[in-house]
PDB file of N, CA and C in Angstrom:
ATOM      1  N   UNK A   1       0.833  -1.077  -0.011  1.00  0.00           N
ATOM      2  CA  UNK A   1      -0.044  -0.122   0.054  1.00  0.00           C
ATOM      3  C   UNK A   1       0.884   0.984  -0.038  1.00  0.00           C
ATOM      4  N   UNK A   2       0.727   2.111  -1.137  1.00  0.00           N
ATOM      5  CA  UNK A   2       1.284   3.511  -1.067  1.00  0.00           C
ATOM      6  C   UNK A   2       0.662   4.514   0.153  1.00  0.00           C
ATOM      7  N   UNK A   3       1.978   4.830   0.946  1.00  0.00           N
ATOM      8  CA  UNK A   3       1.162   5.713   1.993  1.00  0.00           C
ATOM      9  C   UNK A   3       1.723   7.355   1.166  1.00  0.00           C
ATOM     10  N   UNK A   4       0.179   7.989   1.691  1.00  0.00           N
ATOM     11  CA  UNK A   4       0.043   9.303   1.031  1.00  0.00           C
ATOM     12  C   UNK A   4       0.383  10.526   2.200  1.00  0.00           C
ATOM     13  N   UNK A   5       0.402  11.714   1.703  1.00  0.00           N
ATOM     14  CA  UNK A   5       0.326  12.741   3.206  1.00  0.00           C
ATOM     15  C   UNK A   5      -0.823  12.611   3.543  1.00  0.00           C
ATOM     16  N   UNK A   6      -2.074  12.295   2.967  1.00  0.00           N
ATOM     17  CA  UNK A   6      -3.242  12.379   3.269  1.00  0.00           C
ATOM     18  C   UNK A   6      -3.766  11.352   4.363  1.00  0.00           C
ATOM     19  N   UNK A   7      -2.898   9.901   3.870  1.00  0.00           N
ATOM     20  CA  UNK A   7      -2.981   8.678   4.874  1.00  0.00           C
ATOM     21  C   UNK A   7      -2.412   9.291   6.326  1.00  0.00           C
ATOM     22  N   UNK A   8      -1.239  10.055   6.170  1.00  0.00           N
ATOM     23  CA  UNK A   8      -0.612  10.365   7.662  1.00  0.00           C
ATOM     24  C   UNK A   8      -1.143  11.462   8.249  1.00  0.00           C
ATOM     25  N   UNK A   9      -1.958  12.150   7.693  1.00  0.00           N
ATOM     26  CA  UNK A   9      -2.747  13.486   8.378  1.00  0.00           C
ATOM     27  C   UNK A   9      -4.145  12.649   9.150  1.00  0.00           C
ATOM     28  N   UNK A  10      -4.902  11.858   8.409  1.00  0.00           N
ATOM     29  CA  UNK A  10      -5.624  11.166   8.767  1.00  0.00           C
ATOM     30  C   UNK A  10      -5.683  10.173   9.976  1.00  0.00           C
ATOM     31  N   UNK A  11      -4.292   9.593   9.977  1.00  0.00           N
ATOM     32  CA  UNK A  11      -4.210   8.530  11.261  1.00  0.00           C
ATOM     33  C   UNK A  11      -4.682   9.023  12.213  1.00  0.00           C
ATOM     34  N   UNK A  12      -5.596   7.875  12.990  1.00  0.00           N
ATOM     35  CA  UNK A  12      -5.782   8.165  14.070  1.00  0.00           C
ATOM     36  C   UNK A  12      -5.269   7.070  15.081  1.00  0.00           C
ATOM     37  N   UNK A  13      -4.791   7.020  16.352  1.00  0.00           N
ATOM     38  CA  UNK A  13      -4.477   6.335  17.206  1.00  0.00           C
ATOM     39  C   UNK A  13      -5.514   6.134  18.496  1.00  0.00           C
ATOM     40  N   UNK A  14      -5.382   5.034  18.954  1.00  0.00           N
ATOM     41  CA  UNK A  14      -6.331   4.572  20.311  1.00  0.00           C
ATOM     42  C   UNK A  14      -6.015   5.376  21.315  1.00  0.00           C
ATOM     43  N   UNK A  15      -6.504   5.482  22.413  1.00  0.00           N
ATOM     44  CA  UNK A  15      -6.232   6.078  23.650  1.00  0.00           C
ATOM     45  C   UNK A  15      -5.176   5.541  24.248  1.00  0.00           C
ATOM     46  N   UNK A  16      -4.510   6.548  24.952  1.00  0.00           N
ATOM     47  CA  UNK A  16      -3.197   5.974  25.597  1.00  0.00           C
ATOM     48  C   UNK A  16      -2.865   5.414  26.497  1.00  0.00           C
ATOM     49  N   UNK A  17      -2.424   4.192  26.718  1.00  0.00           N
ATOM     50  CA  UNK A  17      -2.273   3.268  27.736  1.00  0.00           C
ATOM     51  C   UNK A  17      -1.101   3.789  28.812  1.00  0.00           C
ATOM     52  N   UNK A  18      -1.135   3.060  29.694  1.00  0.00           N
ATOM     53  CA  UNK A  18       0.034   3.174  30.782  1.00  0.00           C
ATOM     54  C   UNK A  18       1.047   3.109  29.891  1.00  0.00           C
ATOM     55  N   UNK A  19       2.264   4.097  30.165  1.00  0.00           N
ATOM     56  CA  UNK A  19       3.335   4.062  29.417  1.00  0.00           C
ATOM     57  C   UNK A  19       3.077   4.396  27.860  1.00  0.00           C
ATOM     58  N   UNK A  20       2.444   4.852  27.453  1.00  0.00           N
ATOM     59  CA  UNK A  20       1.712   5.381  25.842  1.00  0.00           C
ATOM     60  C   UNK A  20       2.835   6.658  25.674  1.00  0.00           C
ATOM     61  N   UNK A  21       2.171   7.250  24.642  1.00  0.00           N
ATOM     62  CA  UNK A  21       2.923   8.300  23.994  1.00  0.00           C
ATOM     63  C   UNK A  21       2.016   9.489  24.332  1.00  0.00           C
ATOM     64  N   UNK A  22       2.440  10.811  24.278  1.00  0.00           N
ATOM     65  CA  UNK A  22       1.758  11.991  24.366  1.00  0.00           C
ATOM     66  C   UNK A  22       1.198  12.510  22.989  1.00  0.00           C
ATOM     67  N   UNK A  23      -0.025  12.382  22.848  1.00  0.00           N
ATOM     68  CA  UNK A  23      -0.910  12.467  21.558  1.00  0.00           C
ATOM     69  C   UNK A  23      -0.560  13.651  20.849  1.00  0.00           C
ATOM     70  N   UNK A  24      -0.286  15.011  21.601  1.00  0.00           N
ATOM     71  CA  UNK A  24      -0.004  16.050  20.943  1.00  0.00           C
ATOM     72  C   UNK A  24       1.567  16.052  20.355  1.00  0.00           C
ATOM     73  N   UNK A  25       2.190  15.493  20.911  1.00  0.00           N
ATOM     74  CA  UNK A  25       3.910  15.319  20.314  1.00  0.00           C
ATOM     75  C   UNK A  25       3.733  14.360  19.132  1.00  0.00           C
ATOM     76  N   UNK A  26       2.914  13.150  19.281  1.00  0.00           N
ATOM     77  CA  UNK A  26       2.681  12.192  18.479  1.00  0.00           C
ATOM     78  C   UNK A  26       2.024  12.969  16.911  1.00  0.00           C
ATOM     79  N   UNK A  27       1.189  14.151  17.225  1.00  0.00           N
ATOM     80  CA  UNK A  27       0.468  14.860  16.146  1.00  0.00           C
ATOM     81  C   UNK A  27       1.652  15.632  15.796  1.00  0.00           C
ATOM     82  N   UNK A  28       2.032  16.252  16.365  1.00  0.00           N
ATOM     83  CA  UNK A  28       3.232  17.259  15.812  1.00  0.00           C
ATOM     84  C   UNK A  28       4.111  16.424  14.861  1.00  0.00           C
ATOM     85  N   UNK A  29       4.874  15.431  15.439  1.00  0.00           N
ATOM     86  CA  UNK A  29       5.644  14.473  14.377  1.00  0.00           C
ATOM     87  C   UNK A  29       5.179  14.011  13.384  1.00  0.00           C
ATOM     88  N   UNK A  30       3.682  13.610  13.269  1.00  0.00           N
ATOM     89  CA  UNK A  30       2.866  13.175  12.006  1.00  0.00           C
ATOM     90  C   UNK A  30       3.004  14.503  10.858  1.00  0.00           C
ATOM     91  N   UNK A  31       2.628  15.326  11.646  1.00  0.00           N
ATOM     92  CA  UNK A  31       2.596  16.877  10.710  1.00  0.00           C
ATOM     93  C   UNK A  31       3.753  17.004  10.069  1.00  0.00           C
ATOM     94  N   UNK A  32       4.968  16.653  10.712  1.00  0.00           N
ATOM     95  CA  UNK A  32       6.519  16.896  10.558  1.00  0.00           C
ATOM     96  C   UNK A  32       6.386  15.755   9.259  1.00  0.00           C
ATOM     97  N   UNK A  33       6.044  14.979   9.322  1.00  0.00           N
ATOM     98  CA  UNK A  33       6.305  13.448   8.379  1.00  0.00           C
ATOM     99  C   UNK A  33       5.587  13.861   7.206  1.00  0.00           C
ATOM    100  N   UNK A  34       4.173  14.445   7.563  1.00  0.00           N
ATOM    101  CA  UNK A  34       3.523  14.440   6.275  1.00  0.00           C
ATOM    102  C   UNK A  34       4.161  15.605   5.476  1.00  0.00           C
ATOM    103  N   UNK A  35       4.723  16.650   6.060  1.00  0.00           N
ATOM    104  CA  UNK A  35       4.997  17.636   5.208  1.00  0.00           C
ATOM    105  C   UNK A  35       6.074  17.328   4.542  1.00  0.00           C
ATOM    106  N   UNK A  36       7.035  16.466   5.220  1.00  0.00           N
ATOM    107  CA  UNK A  36       8.307  15.975   4.633  1.00  0.00           C
ATOM    108  C   UNK A  36       8.012  15.199   3.554  1.00  0.00           C
ATOM    109  N   UNK A  37       6.868  14.123   3.733  1.00  0.00           N
ATOM    110  CA  UNK A  37       6.245  13.584   2.539  1.00  0.00           C
ATOM    111  C   UNK A  37       6.059  13.972   1.419  1.00  0.00           C
ATOM    112  N   UNK A  38       5.353  15.120   1.569  1.00  0.00           N
ATOM    113  CA  UNK A  38       4.790  15.981   0.621  1.00  0.00           C
ATOM    114  C   UNK A  38       5.873  16.456  -0.126  1.00  0.00           C
ATOM    115  N   UNK A  39       6.582  17.167   0.533  1.00  0.00           N
ATOM    116  CA  UNK A  39       8.060  17.447  -0.165  1.00  0.00           C
ATOM    117  C   UNK A  39       8.640  16.569  -1.205  1.00  0.00           C
ATOM    118  N   UNK A  40       8.661  15.413  -0.337  1.00  0.00           N
ATOM    119  CA  UNK A  40       9.508  14.441  -1.468  1.00  0.00           C
ATOM    120  C   UNK A  40       8.736  14.237  -2.685  1.00  0.00           C
ATOM    121  N   UNK A  41       7.543  13.733  -2.390  1.00  0.00           N
ATOM    122  CA  UNK A  41       6.374  13.618  -3.594  1.00  0.00           C
ATOM    123  C   UNK A  41       6.641  14.625  -4.468  1.00  0.00           C
ATOM    124  N   UNK A  42       6.482  16.019  -4.104  1.00  0.00           N
ATOM    125  CA  UNK A  42       6.525  16.994  -5.131  1.00  0.00           C
ATOM    126  C   UNK A  42       7.907  17.123  -5.713  1.00  0.00           C
ATOM    127  N   UNK A  43       8.979  16.871  -5.228  1.00  0.00           N
ATOM    128  CA  UNK A  43      10.251  16.903  -5.687  1.00  0.00           C
ATOM    129  C   UNK A  43      10.431  15.592  -6.513  1.00  0.00           C
ATOM    130  N   UNK A  44       9.775  14.555  -6.382  1.00  0.00           N
ATOM    131  CA  UNK A  44       9.838  13.303  -7.316  1.00  0.00           C
ATOM    132  C   UNK A  44       9.323  13.455  -8.358  1.00  0.00           C
ATOM    133  N   UNK A  45       7.896  14.326  -8.238  1.00  0.00           N
ATOM    134  CA  UNK A  45       7.205  14.348  -9.467  1.00  0.00           C
ATOM    135  C   UNK A  45       8.078  15.708 -10.547  1.00  0.00           C
ATOM    136  N   UNK A  46       8.711  16.493  -9.970  1.00  0.00           N
ATOM    137  CA  UNK A  46       9.371  17.572 -10.458  1.00  0.00           C
ATOM    138  C   UNK A  46      10.380  16.785 -11.660  1.00  0.00           C
ATOM    139  N   UNK A  47      11.329  15.718 -10.660  1.00  0.00           N
ATOM    140  CA  UNK A  47      12.291  15.375 -11.345  1.00  0.00           C
ATOM    141  C   UNK A  47      11.792  14.583 -12.523  1.00  0.00           C
ATOM    142  N   UNK A  48      10.614  13.657 -12.389  1.00  0.00           N
ATOM    143  CA  UNK A  48      10.202  12.802 -13.269  1.00  0.00           C
ATOM    144  C   UNK A  48      10.045  13.810 -14.743  1.00  0.00           C
ATOM    145  N   UNK A  49       9.431  14.892 -14.237  1.00  0.00           N
ATOM    146  CA  UNK A  49       8.806  16.034 -15.442  1.00  0.00           C
ATOM    147  C   UNK A  49      10.378  16.393 -16.234  1.00  0.00           C
ATOM    148  N   UNK A  50      11.245  16.626 -15.055  1.00  0.00           N
ATOM    149  CA  UNK A  50      12.699  17.237 -15.658  1.00  0.00           C
ATOM    150  C   UNK A  50      13.236  15.785 -16.562  1.00  0.00           C
ATOM    151  N   UNK A  51      12.892  14.837 -16.128  1.00  0.00           N
ATOM    152  CA  UNK A  51      13.429  13.650 -16.957  1.00  0.00           C
ATOM    153  C   UNK A  51      12.916  13.597 -18.300  1.00  0.00           C
ATOM    154  N   UNK A  52      11.559  13.835 -18.054  1.00  0.00           N
ATOM    155  CA  UNK A  52      10.635  13.575 -19.434  1.00  0.00           C
ATOM    156  C   UNK A  52      11.197  14.570 -20.563  1.00  0.00           C
ATOM    157  N   UNK A  53      11.311  16.016 -19.964  1.00  0.00           N
ATOM    158  CA  UNK A  53      11.856  17.032 -20.611  1.00  0.00           C
ATOM    159  C   UNK A  53      13.448  16.584 -21.539  1.00  0.00           C
ATOM    160  N   UNK A  54      14.170  16.095 -20.394  1.00  0.00           N
ATOM    161  CA  UNK A  54      15.675  15.440 -20.992  1.00  0.00           C
ATOM    162  C   UNK A  54      15.757  14.478 -21.969  1.00  0.00           C
ATOM    163  N   UNK A  55      14.626  13.494 -21.624  1.00  0.00           N
ATOM    164  CA  UNK A  55      14.656  12.497 -22.720  1.00  0.00           C
ATOM    165  C   UNK A  55      14.261  13.003 -23.984  1.00  0.00           C
ATOM    166  N   UNK A  56      13.318  13.938 -23.952  1.00  0.00           N
ATOM    167  CA  UNK A  56      12.784  14.651 -25.256  1.00  0.00           C
ATOM    168  C   UNK A  56      13.680  15.467 -26.057  1.00  0.00           C
ATOM    169  N   UNK A  57      14.444  16.024 -24.979  1.00  0.00           N
ATOM    170  CA  UNK A  57      15.759  16.693 -25.750  1.00  0.00           C
ATOM    171  C   UNK A  57      16.901  15.649 -25.928  1.00  0.00           C
ATOM    172  N   UNK A  58      17.249  14.681 -25.624  1.00  0.00           N
ATOM    173  CA  UNK A  58      17.954  13.706 -26.130  1.00  0.00           C
ATOM    174  C   UNK A  58      17.342  12.986 -27.466  1.00  0.00           C
ATOM    175  N   UNK A  59      16.369  12.489 -27.510  1.00  0.00           N
ATOM    176  CA  UNK A  59      15.734  12.380 -28.821  1.00  0.00           C
ATOM    177  C   UNK A  59      15.670  13.192 -29.696  1.00  0.00           C
ATOM    178  N   UNK A  60      15.362  14.452 -29.608  1.00  0.00           N
ATOM    179  CA  UNK A  60      15.600  15.423 -30.495  1.00  0.00           C
ATOM    180  C   UNK A  60      17.437  15.331 -31.136  1.00  0.00           C
ATOM    181  N   UNK A  61      18.260  15.343 -30.106  1.00  0.00           N
ATOM    182  CA  UNK A  61      19.474  15.541 -30.548  1.00  0.00           C
ATOM    183  C   UNK A  61      20.158  14.328 -31.465  1.00  0.00           C
ATOM    184  N   UNK A  62      19.496  13.177 -30.906  1.00  0.00           N
ATOM    185  CA  UNK A  62      19.632  11.950 -31.536  1.00  0.00           C
ATOM    186  C   UNK A  62      19.283  11.880 -33.138  1.00  0.00           C
ATOM    187  N   UNK A  63      17.926  12.458 -33.512  1.00  0.00           N
ATOM    188  CA  UNK A  63      17.441  12.971 -34.743  1.00  0.00           C
ATOM    189  C   UNK A  63      18.420  13.686 -35.302  1.00  0.00           C
ATOM    190  N   UNK A  64      18.740  14.677 -34.784  1.00  0.00           N
ATOM    191  CA  UNK A  64      19.533  15.652 -35.627  1.00  0.00           C
ATOM    192  C   UNK A  64      20.770  15.087 -35.836  1.00  0.00           C
ATOM    193  N   UNK A  65      21.602  14.328 -34.946  1.00  0.00           N
ATOM    194  CA  UNK A  65      22.758  13.779 -34.945  1.00  0.00           C
ATOM    195  C   UNK A  65      22.562  12.771 -36.381  1.00  0.00           C
ATOM    196  N   UNK A  66      21.606  12.113 -36.428  1.00  0.00           N
ATOM    197  CA  UNK A  66      21.261  11.259 -37.648  1.00  0.00           C
ATOM    198  C   UNK A  66      21.340  11.961 -38.988  1.00  0.00           C
ATOM    199  N   UNK A  67      20.596  13.403 -38.832  1.00  0.00           N
ATOM    200  CA  UNK A  67      20.552  13.992 -40.082  1.00  0.00           C
ATOM    201  C   UNK A  67      21.709  14.248 -40.332  1.00  0.00           C
ATOM    202  N   UNK A  68      22.674  14.906 -39.405  1.00  0.00           N
ATOM    203  CA  UNK A  68      23.978  15.392 -39.664  1.00  0.00           C
ATOM    204  C   UNK A  68      24.903  14.286 -40.186  1.00  0.00           C
ATOM    205  N   UNK A  69      24.656  13.137 -39.746  1.00  0.00           N
ATOM    206  CA  UNK A  69      25.609  12.077 -40.172  1.00  0.00           C
ATOM    207  C   UNK A  69      24.837  11.542 -41.494  1.00  0.00           C
ATOM    208  N   UNK A  70      23.851  11.474 -41.937  1.00  0.00           N
ATOM    209  CA  UNK A  70      23.596  11.275 -43.338  1.00  0.00           C
ATOM    210  C   UNK A  70      24.010  12.739 -44.167  1.00  0.00           C
ATOM    211  N   UNK A  71      24.017  13.655 -43.921  1.00  0.00           N
ATOM    212  CA  UNK A  71      24.687  14.752 -44.654  1.00  0.00           C
ATOM    213  C   UNK A  71      25.809  14.636 -44.636  1.00  0.00           C
ATOM    214  N   UNK A  72      26.583  14.047 -44.039  1.00  0.00           N
ATOM    215  CA  UNK A  72      28.221  14.093 -44.062  1.00  0.00           C
ATOM    216  C   UNK A  72      28.406  12.726 -44.876  1.00  0.00           C
ATOM    217  N   UNK A  73      27.771  11.818 -44.820  1.00  0.00           N
ATOM    218  CA  UNK A  73      27.718  10.730 -45.892  1.00  0.00           C
ATOM    219  C   UNK A  73      27.731  11.204 -47.251  1.00  0.00           C
ATOM    220  N   UNK A  74      26.422  12.116 -47.331  1.00  0.00           N
ATOM    221  CA  UNK A  74      26.153  12.504 -49.002  1.00  0.00           C
ATOM    222  C   UNK A  74      27.171  13.539 -49.229  1.00  0.00           C
ATOM    223  N   UNK A  75      27.684  14.354 -48.343  1.00  0.00           N
ATOM    224  CA  UNK A  75      28.607  15.110 -49.041  1.00  0.00           C
ATOM    225  C   UNK A  75      29.919  14.234 -49.270  1.00  0.00           C
ATOM    226  N   UNK A  76      30.581  13.275 -48.293  1.00  0.00           N
ATOM    227  CA  UNK A  76      31.519  12.433 -49.078  1.00  0.00           C
ATOM    228  C   UNK A  76      31.496  11.493 -50.186  1.00  0.00           C
ATOM    229  N   UNK A  77      30.088  11.123 -50.522  1.00  0.00           N
ATOM    230  CA  UNK A  77      30.080  10.760 -51.530  1.00  0.00           C
ATOM    231  C   UNK A  77      30.232  12.082 -52.868  1.00  0.00           C
ATOM    232  N   UNK A  78      29.676  12.955 -52.487  1.00  0.00           N
ATOM    233  CA  UNK A  78      29.798  14.055 -53.598  1.00  0.00           C
ATOM    234  C   UNK A  78      31.149  14.470 -53.948  1.00  0.00           C
ATOM    235  N   UNK A  79      31.995  14.326 -52.964  1.00  0.00           N
ATOM    236  CA  UNK A  79      33.501  14.793 -52.922  1.00  0.00           C
ATOM    237  C   UNK A  79      34.115  13.793 -53.781  1.00  0.00           C
ATOM    238  N   UNK A  80      33.772  12.355 -53.560  1.00  0.00           N
ATOM    239  CA  UNK A  80      34.300  11.438 -54.469  1.00  0.00           C
ATOM    240  C   UNK A  80      34.031  11.410 -55.562  1.00  0.00           C
ATOM    241  N   UNK A  81      32.870  11.899 -55.817  1.00  0.00           N
ATOM    242  CA  UNK A  81      32.167  11.803 -57.404  1.00  0.00           C
ATOM    243  C   UNK A  81      32.820  13.120 -58.113  1.00  0.00           C
ATOM    244  N   UNK A  82      32.809  14.199 -57.454  1.00  0.00           N
ATOM    245  CA  UNK A  82      33.726  15.188 -57.945  1.00  0.00           C
ATOM    246  C   UNK A  82      35.065  14.971 -58.233  1.00  0.00           C
ATOM    247  N   UNK A  83      35.631  14.476 -57.293  1.00  0.00           N
ATOM    248  CA  UNK A  83      37.194  13.912 -57.667  1.00  0.00           C
ATOM    249  C   UNK A  83      37.130  13.019 -58.720  1.00  0.00           C
ATOM    250  N   UNK A  84      36.492  11.824 -59.070  1.00  0.00           N
ATOM    251  CA  UNK A  84      36.445  11.090 -60.179  1.00  0.00           C
ATOM    252  C   UNK A  84      36.002  12.019 -61.526  1.00  0.00           C
ATOM    253  N   UNK A  85      35.261  12.650 -61.431  1.00  0.00           N
ATOM    254  CA  UNK A  85      35.025  13.612 -62.399  1.00  0.00           C
ATOM    255  C   UNK A  85      36.131  14.410 -62.895  1.00  0.00           C
ATOM    256  N   UNK A  86      36.733  14.996 -61.846  1.00  0.00           N
ATOM    257  CA  UNK A  86      37.919  15.632 -62.219  1.00  0.00           C
ATOM    258  C   UNK A  86      39.105  15.055 -63.078  1.00  0.00           C
ATOM    259  N   UNK A  87      39.155  13.843 -62.389  1.00  0.00           N
ATOM    260  CA  UNK A  87      40.259  12.927 -62.875  1.00  0.00           C
ATOM    261  C   UNK A  87      40.092  12.544 -63.966  1.00  0.00           C
ATOM    262  N   UNK A  88      39.000  12.067 -64.500  1.00  0.00           N
ATOM    263  CA  UNK A  88      38.334  11.912 -66.104  1.00  0.00           C
ATOM    264  C   UNK A  88      38.534  13.076 -66.794  1.00  0.00           C
ATOM    265  N   UNK A  89      38.139  14.124 -66.542  1.00  0.00           N
ATOM    266  CA  UNK A  89      38.201  15.339 -67.087  1.00  0.00           C
ATOM    267  C   UNK A  89      39.708  15.778 -67.459  1.00  0.00           C
ATOM    268  N   UNK A  90      40.411  15.660 -66.545  1.00  0.00           N
ATOM    269  CA  UNK A  90      41.871  15.637 -66.434  1.00  0.00           C
ATOM    270  C   UNK A  90      42.649  14.921 -67.542  1.00  0.00           C
ATOM    271  N   UNK A  91      42.186  13.536 -67.522  1.00  0.00           N
ATOM    272  CA  UNK A  91      42.641  12.336 -68.329  1.00  0.00           C
ATOM    273  C   UNK A  91      42.250  12.865 -69.831  1.00  0.00           C
ATOM    274  N   UNK A  92      41.289  13.403 -69.921  1.00  0.00           N
ATOM    275  CA  UNK A  92      40.753  13.674 -71.658  1.00  0.00           C
ATOM    276  C   UNK A  92      41.707  15.089 -71.693  1.00  0.00           C
ATOM    277  N   UNK A  93      41.959  15.906 -71.093  1.00  0.00           N
ATOM    278  CA  UNK A  93      42.719  16.955 -71.488  1.00  0.00           C
ATOM    279  C   UNK A  93      43.881  16.825 -71.767  1.00  0.00           C
ATOM    280  N   UNK A  94      44.613  15.682 -70.868  1.00  0.00           N
ATOM    281  CA  UNK A  94      46.007  15.248 -71.206  1.00  0.00           C
ATOM    282  C   UNK A  94      46.069  14.256 -72.420  1.00  0.00           C
ATOM    283  N   UNK A  95      44.827  13.878 -72.689  1.00  0.00           N
ATOM    284  CA  UNK A  95      44.944  12.896 -73.862  1.00  0.00           C
ATOM    285  C   UNK A  95      44.616  13.642 -75.269  1.00  0.00           C
ATOM    286  N   UNK A  96      44.088  14.613 -75.037  1.00  0.00           N
ATOM    287  CA  UNK A  96      43.869  15.696 -76.278  1.00  0.00           C
ATOM    288  C   UNK A  96      45.410  16.493 -76.503  1.00  0.00           C
ATOM    289  N   UNK A  97      45.995  16.911 -75.217  1.00  0.00           N
ATOM    290  CA  UNK A  97      47.262  17.470 -75.388  1.00  0.00           C
ATOM    291  C   UNK A  97      48.104  16.533 -76.087  1.00  0.00           C
ATOM    292  N   UNK A  98      47.959  15.366 -75.532  1.00  0.00           N
ATOM    293  CA  UNK A  98      49.176  14.168 -76.350  1.00  0.00           C
ATOM    294  C   UNK A  98      49.020  14.327 -77.980  1.00  0.00           C
ATOM    295  N   UNK A  99      47.736  14.243 -78.155  1.00  0.00           N
ATOM    296  CA  UNK A  99      47.229  14.029 -79.542  1.00  0.00           C
ATOM    297  C   UNK A  99      47.792  15.346 -80.395  1.00  0.00           C
ATOM    298  N   UNK A 100      47.541  16.728 -79.567  1.00  0.00           N
ATOM    299  CA  UNK A 100      47.771  18.055 -80.203  1.00  0.00           C
ATOM    300  C   UNK A 100      49.681  17.874 -80.461  1.00  0.00           C
ATOM    301  N   UNK A 101      50.193  17.216 -79.511  1.00  0.00           N
ATOM    302  CA  UNK A 101      51.437  17.434 -79.484  1.00  0.00           C
ATOM    303  C   UNK A 101      52.086  16.373 -80.677  1.00  0.00           C
ATOM    304  N   UNK A 102      51.254  15.322 -80.997  1.00  0.00           N
ATOM    305  CA  UNK A 102      51.718  14.438 -81.620  1.00  0.00           C
ATOM    306  C   UNK A 102      51.145  15.090 -83.232  1.00  0.00           C
ATOM    307  N   UNK A 103      50.357  15.715 -83.233  1.00  0.00           N
ATOM    308  CA  UNK A 103      50.028  16.274 -84.782  1.00  0.00           C
ATOM    309  C   UNK A 103      51.200  17.308 -84.889  1.00  0.00           C
ATOM    310  N   UNK A 104      51.541  18.010 -83.700  1.00  0.00           N
ATOM    311  CA  UNK A 104      52.470  18.895 -84.035  1.00  0.00           C
ATOM    312  C   UNK A 104      53.938  18.302 -84.519  1.00  0.00           C
ATOM    313  N   UNK A 105      54.210  17.583 -83.776  1.00  0.00           N
ATOM    314  CA  UNK A 105      55.568  16.627 -84.128  1.00  0.00           C
ATOM    315  C   UNK A 105      55.607  16.012 -85.599  1.00  0.00           C
ATOM    316  N   UNK A 106      54.258  15.579 -85.836  1.00  0.00           N
ATOM    317  CA  UNK A 106      54.174  14.940 -87.356  1.00  0.00           C
ATOM    318  C   UNK A 106      54.223  16.058 -88.562  1.00  0.00           C
ATOM    319  N   UNK A 107      53.624  17.216 -87.958  1.00  0.00           N
ATOM    320  CA  UNK A 107      53.875  18.339 -89.018  1.00  0.00           C
ATOM    321  C   UNK A 107      55.141  18.799 -89.160  1.00  0.00           C
ATOM    322  N   UNK A 108      55.995  19.108 -87.993  1.00  0.00           N
ATOM    323  CA  UNK A 108      57.307  19.275 -87.948  1.00  0.00           C
ATOM    324  C   UNK A 108      58.034  18.373 -88.787  1.00  0.00           C
ATOM    325  N   UNK A 109      57.968  16.990 -88.467  1.00  0.00           N
ATOM    326  CA  UNK A 109      58.661  16.112 -89.648  1.00  0.00           C
ATOM    327  C   UNK A 109      58.580  16.223 -91.071  1.00  0.00           C
ATOM    328  N   UNK A 110      56.957  16.531 -91.286  1.00  0.00           N
ATOM    329  CA  UNK A 110      56.772  16.805 -92.512  1.00  0.00           C
ATOM    330  C   UNK A 110      57.412  18.225 -93.114  1.00  0.00           C
ATOM    331  N   UNK A 111      57.385  18.971 -92.356  1.00  0.00           N
ATOM    332  CA  UNK A 111      57.866  20.096 -92.846  1.00  0.00           C
ATOM    333  C   UNK A 111      59.410  20.177 -93.049  1.00  0.00           C
ATOM    334  N   UNK A 112      60.319  19.232 -92.114  1.00  0.00           N
ATOM    335  CA  UNK A 112      61.577  19.142 -92.083  1.00  0.00           C
ATOM    336  C   UNK A 112      61.705  18.092 -93.495  1.00  0.00           C
ATOM    337  N   UNK A 113      60.763  17.070 -93.774  1.00  0.00           N
ATOM    338  CA  UNK A 113      61.256  16.321 -94.647  1.00  0.00           C
ATOM    339  C   UNK A 113      61.064  17.060 -96.139  1.00  0.00           C
ATOM    340  N   UNK A 114      60.172  17.845 -96.163  1.00  0.00           N
ATOM    341  CA  UNK A 114      59.843  18.702 -97.177  1.00  0.00           C
ATOM    342  C   UNK A 114      61.257  19.894 -97.415  1.00  0.00           C
ATOM    343  N   UNK A 115      61.714  19.991 -96.591  1.00  0.00           N
ATOM    344  CA  UNK A 115      62.974  21.166 -96.772  1.00  0.00           C
ATOM    345  C   UNK A 115      63.961  20.490 -97.128  1.00  0.00           C
TER     346      UNK A 115
END
């Protein structure tokens, strides 16, 4: 059974017997216990609310982390694609330059042969 501050407030004791406790003293103590119990319950609820807020924030950050991770992977793929495209374009430029050099050399050999 869960004990509530109301249970403490409403607790009734039988009449004191020989060697019993002072009723007013017991009541004061029960009031102190009830107040402390209420404070603990309120703090517990506050902490639960705070924990829910933190859990929500953590979930948001995890979602953002996943988005950032996906963005970085996409950027990495794009960088590799750009690098590969640049290499292919460079190979084409070098190939064209070699062909042009061979044409120039062939023309120079032909001109030399004619002279």
